[in-house]
Amino acid sequence: MNTLVAASIQAVNVDSATISAPSISYRLLLPVLVVFGAALVGVLVEAFAPRRGRHGLQVGIALVGLVASFVTVVLAADGRKASTAARAVVVDGPTLFLQGTILVFAALGVLTMAERFVGNEGDAFTSTAASVPGSAYEAATARRVGADRGLPADDAGGRRHAAVPGSR
C-alpha cells in the first residue's frame, strides 16, 4: 500500500512553489457573503437570544441581510463581465439579474413566513403533519396549542377563542 501511495506522489510531481493562490474579487462575491453573514448572525441569535424577542430579531436580520445583498448586486451591475476564484464564479448581466430576482423573492418569502396571526385564530402551518383538517385529532391539538398560549378554547374545535376579537 505504501509503495502505491509513494508511486502516486512521484507521478504527480508537484512542487509547492508552482501552486499559486487564485485571485479572488470579494466585490463580486459580496452578495453571497452578505447573505451568508446574515445567516450566521441569525444562527447566533437563535442560540443566544431570549425566546420572547427572537422572532422580531430573526425577521429583522433576514430582511436587513437580503436588502444589503440586493444593494451589493445593484452596485456590482457595472455592465462588464468578470470572473473570480480561478474562474469558478462568473458574474455578468444575467447572473446579477438572477441574484436580484432571487433576493426579491427571498425577502417576500421572509415577510410571508414572518406573518403572525392574532391569538389562535389561525396559523400559516398545520400543528402536526399527520392531522387531517376537521378531525378530532386536529381539534385536540388546537385546544392544546390554545392552552399553551393561555387562551380558553370554545366549542369550535379550539380554533376560536373568547379572548380573540371577532370570535363568537
Protein backbone atom coordinates (compact mmCIF):
# COMPACT_ATOMS: atom_id res chain seq x y z
CA MET A 1 0.00 0.00 0.00
CA ASN A 2 2.81 2.43 0.87
CA THR A 3 4.53 1.79 -2.44
CA LEU A 4 1.32 2.63 -4.27
CA VAL A 5 1.00 5.92 -2.40
CA ALA A 6 4.66 6.77 -3.00
CA ALA A 7 4.30 5.98 -6.71
CA SER A 8 1.22 8.20 -6.92
CA ILE A 9 3.04 11.08 -5.26
CA GLN A 10 6.02 10.70 -7.61
CA ALA A 11 3.72 10.53 -10.64
CA VAL A 12 2.12 13.84 -9.76
CA ASN A 13 5.49 15.51 -9.08
CA VAL A 14 4.02 18.83 -7.98
CA ASP A 15 6.34 21.39 -6.49
CA SER A 16 4.71 23.58 -3.85
CA ALA A 17 6.37 26.64 -5.39
CA THR A 18 4.40 26.18 -8.62
CA ILE A 19 0.99 26.28 -6.91
CA SER A 20 -0.35 29.82 -6.69
CA ALA A 21 -3.40 31.08 -4.84
CA PRO A 22 -6.29 32.14 -7.08
CA SER A 23 -7.23 35.78 -7.35
CA ILE A 24 -10.50 36.43 -5.54
CA SER A 25 -12.59 39.53 -6.14
CA TYR A 26 -14.60 39.93 -2.95
CA ARG A 27 -16.61 42.72 -4.57
CA LEU A 28 -18.13 40.16 -6.95
CA LEU A 29 -18.73 37.67 -4.15
CA LEU A 30 -20.15 40.26 -1.76
CA PRO A 31 -23.88 39.46 -2.35
CA VAL A 32 -23.29 35.83 -1.38
CA LEU A 33 -21.05 36.78 1.55
CA VAL A 34 -23.63 39.23 2.93
CA VAL A 35 -26.39 36.60 2.89
CA PHE A 36 -24.00 34.10 4.49
CA GLY A 37 -23.10 36.65 7.19
CA ALA A 38 -26.77 37.37 7.91
CA ALA A 39 -27.45 33.63 8.17
CA LEU A 40 -24.55 33.26 10.60
CA VAL A 41 -25.87 36.11 12.76
CA GLY A 42 -29.33 34.50 12.62
CA VAL A 43 -27.92 31.23 13.95
CA LEU A 44 -26.21 33.09 16.79
CA VAL A 45 -29.45 34.92 17.63
CA GLU A 46 -31.33 31.62 17.62
CA ALA A 47 -28.76 30.17 20.01
CA PHE A 48 -28.40 33.05 22.47
CA ALA A 49 -31.36 35.46 22.27
CA PRO A 50 -34.29 35.01 24.64
CA ARG A 51 -37.33 33.35 23.10
CA ARG A 52 -39.61 36.35 23.57
CA GLY A 53 -37.62 38.68 21.29
CA ARG A 54 -36.22 36.10 18.89
CA HIS A 55 -38.92 36.32 16.22
CA GLY A 56 -38.55 40.04 15.60
CA LEU A 57 -34.76 39.82 15.64
CA GLN A 58 -34.73 36.96 13.14
CA VAL A 59 -37.08 38.73 10.74
CA GLY A 60 -35.09 41.96 11.02
CA ILE A 61 -31.74 40.26 10.48
CA ALA A 62 -33.05 38.32 7.49
CA LEU A 63 -34.55 41.41 5.85
CA VAL A 64 -31.51 43.60 6.51
CA GLY A 65 -29.24 40.90 5.09
CA LEU A 66 -31.36 40.46 1.96
CA VAL A 67 -31.69 44.21 1.35
CA ALA A 68 -27.96 44.75 1.89
CA SER A 69 -27.20 41.91 -0.50
CA PHE A 70 -29.58 43.41 -3.08
CA VAL A 71 -27.75 46.74 -2.77
CA THR A 72 -24.43 44.98 -3.47
CA VAL A 73 -25.97 43.32 -6.53
CA VAL A 74 -27.10 46.72 -7.83
CA LEU A 75 -23.67 48.23 -7.15
CA ALA A 76 -21.95 45.33 -8.94
CA ALA A 77 -24.00 45.97 -12.09
CA ASP A 78 -21.44 48.00 -13.98
CA GLY A 79 -22.10 46.34 -17.34
CA ARG A 80 -18.96 44.25 -17.63
CA LYS A 81 -18.38 40.54 -17.30
CA ALA A 82 -15.88 39.34 -14.74
CA SER A 83 -14.76 36.11 -13.16
CA THR A 84 -13.18 35.35 -9.83
CA ALA A 85 -11.88 32.44 -7.77
CA ALA A 86 -9.92 30.88 -10.66
CA ARG A 87 -12.90 31.35 -12.99
CA ALA A 88 -15.14 29.28 -10.71
CA VAL A 89 -17.55 32.23 -10.34
CA VAL A 90 -18.53 34.33 -13.35
CA VAL A 91 -20.56 37.49 -12.81
CA ASP A 92 -22.31 39.07 -15.79
CA GLY A 93 -25.68 40.67 -16.52
CA PRO A 94 -27.81 37.51 -16.36
CA THR A 95 -26.08 36.44 -13.15
CA LEU A 96 -26.82 39.74 -11.46
CA PHE A 97 -30.41 39.70 -12.71
CA LEU A 98 -30.98 36.22 -11.30
CA GLN A 99 -29.31 37.11 -8.00
CA GLY A 100 -31.50 40.21 -7.68
CA THR A 101 -34.64 38.27 -8.54
CA ILE A 102 -33.83 35.56 -6.01
CA LEU A 103 -33.19 38.19 -3.33
CA VAL A 104 -36.53 39.93 -4.01
CA PHE A 105 -38.41 36.63 -3.79
CA ALA A 106 -36.45 35.67 -0.66
CA ALA A 107 -37.49 38.95 1.01
CA LEU A 108 -41.13 38.29 0.06
CA GLY A 109 -40.77 34.77 1.46
CA VAL A 110 -39.39 36.09 4.74
CA LEU A 111 -42.30 38.51 5.04
CA THR A 112 -44.79 35.72 4.26
CA MET A 113 -43.30 33.30 6.77
CA ALA A 114 -42.97 36.02 9.42
CA GLU A 115 -46.74 36.64 9.45
CA ARG A 116 -48.16 36.23 12.93
CA PHE A 117 -51.89 35.88 13.41
CA VAL A 118 -53.65 37.47 16.36
CA GLY A 119 -54.36 34.92 19.05
CA ASN A 120 -55.10 31.44 17.83
CA GLU A 121 -57.49 32.40 15.01
CA GLY A 122 -55.43 30.52 12.51
CA ASP A 123 -51.93 29.67 11.58
CA ALA A 124 -49.95 29.53 8.39
CA PHE A 125 -48.85 25.99 9.21
CA THR A 126 -50.60 22.90 10.47
CA SER A 127 -49.79 21.99 14.04
CA THR A 128 -48.85 18.44 13.07
CA ALA A 129 -48.40 16.99 9.63
CA ALA A 130 -50.45 13.90 10.46
CA SER A 131 -53.63 15.74 11.45
CA VAL A 132 -56.49 15.64 8.97
CA PRO A 133 -58.29 19.01 8.67
CA GLY A 134 -61.51 18.97 10.69
CA SER A 135 -60.64 15.78 12.56
CA ALA A 136 -60.84 15.26 16.30
CA TYR A 137 -57.05 14.96 16.37
CA GLU A 138 -56.70 18.44 14.87
CA ALA A 139 -59.22 19.86 17.34
CA ALA A 140 -57.36 18.32 20.28
CA THR A 141 -54.07 19.73 19.01
CA ALA A 142 -55.63 23.17 18.52
CA ARG A 143 -57.02 23.07 22.08
CA ARG A 144 -53.59 22.12 23.40
CA VAL A 145 -51.92 24.97 21.48
CA GLY A 146 -54.58 27.37 22.76
CA ALA A 147 -53.98 26.20 26.33
CA ASP A 148 -50.23 26.65 25.82
CA ARG A 149 -50.90 30.25 24.80
CA GLY A 150 -53.20 30.81 27.78
CA LEU A 151 -56.40 31.15 25.72
CA PRO A 152 -59.64 29.40 26.66
CA ALA A 153 -60.92 27.18 23.84
CA ASP A 154 -64.61 27.23 22.93
CA ASP A 155 -66.72 24.61 21.18
CA ALA A 156 -65.35 25.28 17.65
CA GLY A 157 -62.62 22.68 17.93
CA GLY A 158 -60.28 25.01 19.75
CA ARG A 159 -59.76 27.24 16.74
CA ARG A 160 -61.68 30.25 18.07
CA HIS A 161 -61.21 31.76 21.45
CA ALA A 162 -63.24 34.14 23.53
CA ALA A 163 -60.19 36.35 24.04
CA VAL A 164 -59.82 36.95 20.31
CA PRO A 165 -61.76 39.88 18.83
CA GLY A 166 -64.35 38.77 16.31
CA SER A 167 -64.85 35.31 17.77
CA ARG A 168 -68.29 34.29 18.97
